[in-house]
Amino acid sequence: MTAQLYCFGESGNAYKCALALTMTDMEWEPVFVDFFNGEARTPAFREINEMGEVPVYVDGPLTLTQSGVILDYISSKTGKLGGRSAAERRDVLRWVFWDNHKLSGQLGTTRFLMNFLPEDKRPAGVIPFLQGRLKAAYKVLNTHLEGRDWVVGEAVTIADLSCCGYLYYPEPFGFDRAEWPNIDRWLDRISALPGWKPPYEMMPGSPADRV
């Protein structure tokens, strides 16, 4: 039975998982969730994920939610993208947790407020505040990547896929790759890997569908 990833194109967290599934050569199929018309908040969807979010990964009898958990499962199941030693694996998880808390968690909110929420509903002062916190996170990542090809070790891991997810989206959210040269080079390395596609080509759904 082919595994399923409940997702939609605008979700950076789902995109991380789609990248990991593709780059580990796992069989999977996307299941489109019509988030912007409220599907994730319906009783039917909450039977799948009580948190009312994507991604959701279904592999036979197993159902997983939260991108970090799904990434760890994919890595553990395939033996790929997880680091080459126990110490590296702990460092991989350290960066996945950092991304969830410091980078993606704030980046997803900022991008949503700036691009998908009507301007008259945007809370005053929140976007500049979040962009300030994101600038600090970009600095951490850019400094860490100085002299490195990958976030952890000598090969791509789920730490890279977690941290990069939202940074490939075309909508403006206050991130200019040219200002962060180490991140810029790192993103180029990831996008040169076999199987990489931008989010709107890898998963169904995009802002253009709602125009």
Protein backbone atom coordinates (compact mmCIF):
# COMPACT_ATOMS: atom_id res chain seq x y z
CA MET A 1 0.00 0.00 0.00
CA THR A 2 1.40 3.39 -1.01
CA ALA A 3 1.93 5.77 1.89
CA GLN A 4 0.01 9.04 1.88
CA LEU A 5 1.03 12.55 2.82
CA TYR A 6 -1.88 14.86 3.63
CA CYS A 7 -0.66 18.23 2.43
CA PHE A 8 -1.21 21.37 0.39
CA GLY A 9 1.27 23.34 -1.66
CA GLU A 10 1.45 26.36 0.61
CA SER A 11 2.50 24.32 3.66
CA GLY A 12 6.22 24.53 4.28
CA ASN A 13 6.00 21.88 6.96
CA ALA A 14 4.39 19.43 4.54
CA TYR A 15 7.01 20.37 1.94
CA LYS A 16 9.82 19.25 4.26
CA CYS A 17 8.25 15.81 4.49
CA ALA A 18 7.59 15.60 0.75
CA LEU A 19 11.27 16.36 0.12
CA ALA A 20 12.38 13.67 2.58
CA LEU A 21 10.04 11.06 1.09
CA THR A 22 11.24 11.84 -2.42
CA MET A 23 14.94 11.95 -1.55
CA THR A 24 14.76 8.60 0.26
CA ASP A 25 12.98 7.01 -2.73
CA MET A 26 9.93 6.06 -0.67
CA GLU A 27 6.65 5.41 -2.45
CA TRP A 28 4.10 8.05 -1.50
CA GLU A 29 1.20 9.99 -2.85
CA PRO A 30 -0.07 13.44 -1.87
CA VAL A 31 -3.58 13.83 -0.48
CA PHE A 32 -4.72 17.42 -0.99
CA VAL A 33 -6.18 19.16 2.05
CA ASP A 34 -8.20 22.25 1.15
CA PHE A 35 -6.89 24.27 4.06
CA PHE A 36 -7.99 27.67 2.84
CA ASN A 37 -11.60 26.51 2.62
CA GLY A 38 -11.49 25.10 6.13
CA GLU A 39 -11.05 21.38 5.48
CA ALA A 40 -8.41 20.97 8.22
CA ARG A 41 -10.92 22.21 10.80
CA THR A 42 -13.72 19.81 9.87
CA PRO A 43 -14.72 16.92 12.14
CA ALA A 44 -13.78 14.47 9.39
CA PHE A 45 -10.22 15.77 9.19
CA ARG A 46 -9.85 15.93 12.97
CA GLU A 47 -10.53 12.20 12.98
CA ILE A 48 -7.25 11.96 11.05
CA ASN A 49 -5.39 14.61 13.06
CA GLU A 50 -6.96 16.03 16.20
CA MET A 51 -4.62 19.03 15.92
CA GLY A 52 -6.28 20.14 12.67
CA GLU A 53 -3.00 20.56 10.80
CA VAL A 54 -0.95 19.19 7.97
CA PRO A 55 1.26 17.34 7.39
CA VAL A 56 -0.23 13.99 8.24
CA TYR A 57 1.64 10.88 7.12
CA VAL A 58 -0.20 7.57 6.81
CA ASP A 59 1.88 4.44 6.26
CA GLY A 60 -0.44 1.45 6.46
CA PRO A 61 -1.78 1.27 10.04
CA LEU A 62 0.58 4.04 11.21
CA THR A 63 -0.52 7.68 11.28
CA LEU A 64 1.98 10.39 12.20
CA THR A 65 1.63 14.14 12.59
CA GLN A 66 4.10 17.01 13.13
CA SER A 67 6.85 17.44 10.54
CA GLY A 68 9.73 16.70 12.92
CA VAL A 69 8.21 13.36 13.93
CA ILE A 70 7.51 12.45 10.30
CA LEU A 71 11.03 13.39 9.23
CA ASP A 72 12.51 11.28 12.03
CA TYR A 73 10.33 8.32 11.03
CA ILE A 74 11.33 8.57 7.35
CA SER A 75 14.99 8.74 8.31
CA SER A 76 14.73 5.84 10.76
CA LYS A 77 12.76 3.63 8.37
CA THR A 78 15.07 4.17 5.40
CA GLY A 79 18.39 4.54 7.20
CA LYS A 80 18.97 7.73 5.21
CA LEU A 81 19.21 11.45 6.03
CA GLY A 82 19.88 10.81 9.71
CA GLY A 83 23.61 11.32 10.22
CA ARG A 84 26.43 8.79 10.27
CA SER A 85 26.75 8.22 14.02
CA ALA A 86 24.71 8.44 17.19
CA ALA A 87 26.34 11.78 17.96
CA GLU A 88 25.46 13.15 14.52
CA ARG A 89 21.89 11.93 14.88
CA ARG A 90 21.51 13.83 18.15
CA ASP A 91 22.85 16.93 16.43
CA VAL A 92 20.43 16.41 13.56
CA LEU A 93 17.52 16.32 16.02
CA ARG A 94 18.91 19.38 17.82
CA TRP A 95 18.65 21.37 14.58
CA VAL A 96 15.21 19.99 13.73
CA PHE A 97 13.94 21.13 17.13
CA TRP A 98 15.65 24.50 16.72
CA ASP A 99 14.04 24.96 13.33
CA ASN A 100 10.57 24.10 14.62
CA HIS A 101 10.87 26.60 17.46
CA LYS A 102 13.04 29.41 16.13
CA LEU A 103 12.79 29.35 12.33
CA SER A 104 9.85 27.57 10.70
CA GLY A 105 7.43 28.24 13.54
CA GLN A 106 7.85 31.99 13.15
CA LEU A 107 8.50 32.01 9.42
CA GLY A 108 5.25 30.19 8.61
CA THR A 109 3.26 32.69 10.67
CA THR A 110 4.99 35.70 9.12
CA ARG A 111 4.46 34.42 5.58
CA PHE A 112 0.80 33.67 6.31
CA LEU A 113 0.16 37.11 7.75
CA MET A 114 1.90 38.90 4.89
CA ASN A 115 0.45 36.91 2.00
CA PHE A 116 -2.68 34.97 2.90
CA LEU A 117 -4.47 37.10 5.48
CA PRO A 118 -6.37 40.22 4.34
CA GLU A 119 -4.43 43.35 5.18
CA ASP A 120 -7.20 44.74 7.38
CA LYS A 121 -7.01 41.62 9.58
CA ARG A 122 -3.26 41.72 10.17
CA PRO A 123 -2.47 42.50 13.83
CA ALA A 124 -0.49 45.72 14.12
CA GLY A 125 3.16 45.34 15.00
CA VAL A 126 3.23 41.55 14.82
CA ILE A 127 4.95 41.23 11.43
CA PRO A 128 7.90 43.55 12.29
CA PHE A 129 8.31 41.77 15.62
CA LEU A 130 8.40 38.34 13.99
CA GLN A 131 10.75 39.56 11.25
CA GLY A 132 13.14 40.78 13.93
CA ARG A 133 13.15 37.36 15.55
CA LEU A 134 13.59 35.72 12.16
CA LYS A 135 16.57 37.91 11.37
CA ALA A 136 18.23 36.56 14.52
CA ALA A 137 17.45 33.00 13.37
CA TYR A 138 18.83 33.63 9.87
CA LYS A 139 22.01 34.93 11.48
CA VAL A 140 22.39 31.77 13.55
CA LEU A 141 21.93 29.54 10.50
CA ASN A 142 24.11 31.65 8.20
CA THR A 143 26.94 31.71 10.77
CA HIS A 144 26.66 27.97 11.36
CA LEU A 145 26.93 27.27 7.62
CA GLU A 146 30.19 29.21 7.28
CA GLY A 147 32.66 26.69 5.86
CA ARG A 148 30.04 23.91 5.86
CA ASP A 149 28.12 22.28 3.05
CA TRP A 150 25.40 20.87 5.32
CA VAL A 151 23.87 21.66 8.68
CA VAL A 152 25.23 18.46 10.26
CA GLY A 153 28.06 16.26 9.03
CA GLU A 154 29.21 15.65 5.48
CA ALA A 155 25.90 14.88 3.78
CA VAL A 156 22.34 16.16 3.60
CA THR A 157 20.11 15.17 6.53
CA ILE A 158 16.62 15.86 7.76
CA ALA A 159 18.13 18.84 9.61
CA ASP A 160 18.75 20.48 6.23
CA LEU A 161 15.29 19.59 4.92
CA SER A 162 13.61 20.90 8.05
CA CYS A 163 15.48 24.20 8.06
CA CYS A 164 15.17 24.86 4.33
CA GLY A 165 11.47 24.14 3.87
CA TYR A 166 9.97 27.62 4.01
CA LEU A 167 12.95 29.36 2.43
CA TYR A 168 12.10 28.19 -1.10
CA TYR A 169 8.70 29.85 -1.23
CA PRO A 170 8.33 32.74 -3.69
CA GLU A 171 6.02 34.95 -1.62
CA PRO A 172 7.66 37.91 0.17
CA PHE A 173 8.16 37.47 3.90
CA GLY A 174 11.26 39.55 4.58
CA PHE A 175 13.93 37.05 3.54
CA ASP A 176 16.46 38.07 0.88
CA ARG A 177 18.87 35.26 0.03
CA ALA A 178 21.49 37.74 -1.15
CA GLU A 179 21.80 39.07 2.42
CA TRP A 180 22.74 35.61 3.72
CA PRO A 181 25.42 34.19 1.40
CA ASN A 182 26.04 30.96 3.32
CA ILE A 183 22.33 30.17 3.39
CA ASP A 184 22.11 31.07 -0.29
CA ARG A 185 24.85 28.60 -1.26
CA TRP A 186 23.32 25.92 0.98
CA LEU A 187 19.90 26.34 -0.63
CA ASP A 188 21.53 25.95 -4.04
CA ARG A 189 23.18 22.70 -2.90
CA ILE A 190 19.88 21.29 -1.72
CA SER A 191 18.01 22.26 -4.87
CA ALA A 192 20.70 20.53 -6.95
CA LEU A 193 19.97 17.17 -5.27
CA PRO A 194 18.15 14.47 -7.28
CA GLY A 195 14.40 14.63 -6.81
CA TRP A 196 14.24 18.23 -5.57
CA LYS A 197 11.32 20.28 -6.81
CA PRO A 198 9.93 23.60 -5.62
CA PRO A 199 6.91 23.27 -3.33
CA TYR A 200 4.19 24.14 -5.80
CA GLU A 201 5.47 21.48 -8.19
CA MET A 202 5.84 18.80 -5.51
CA MET A 203 2.45 19.12 -3.80
CA PRO A 204 -1.07 20.02 -5.02
CA GLY A 205 -2.44 23.46 -4.30
CA SER A 206 -1.01 26.96 -4.78
CA PRO A 207 -2.16 30.59 -4.44
CA ALA A 208 -2.74 30.64 -8.21
CA ASP A 209 -5.56 28.13 -7.74
CA ARG A 210 -7.48 30.63 -5.62
CA VAL A 211 -7.17 33.64 -7.93
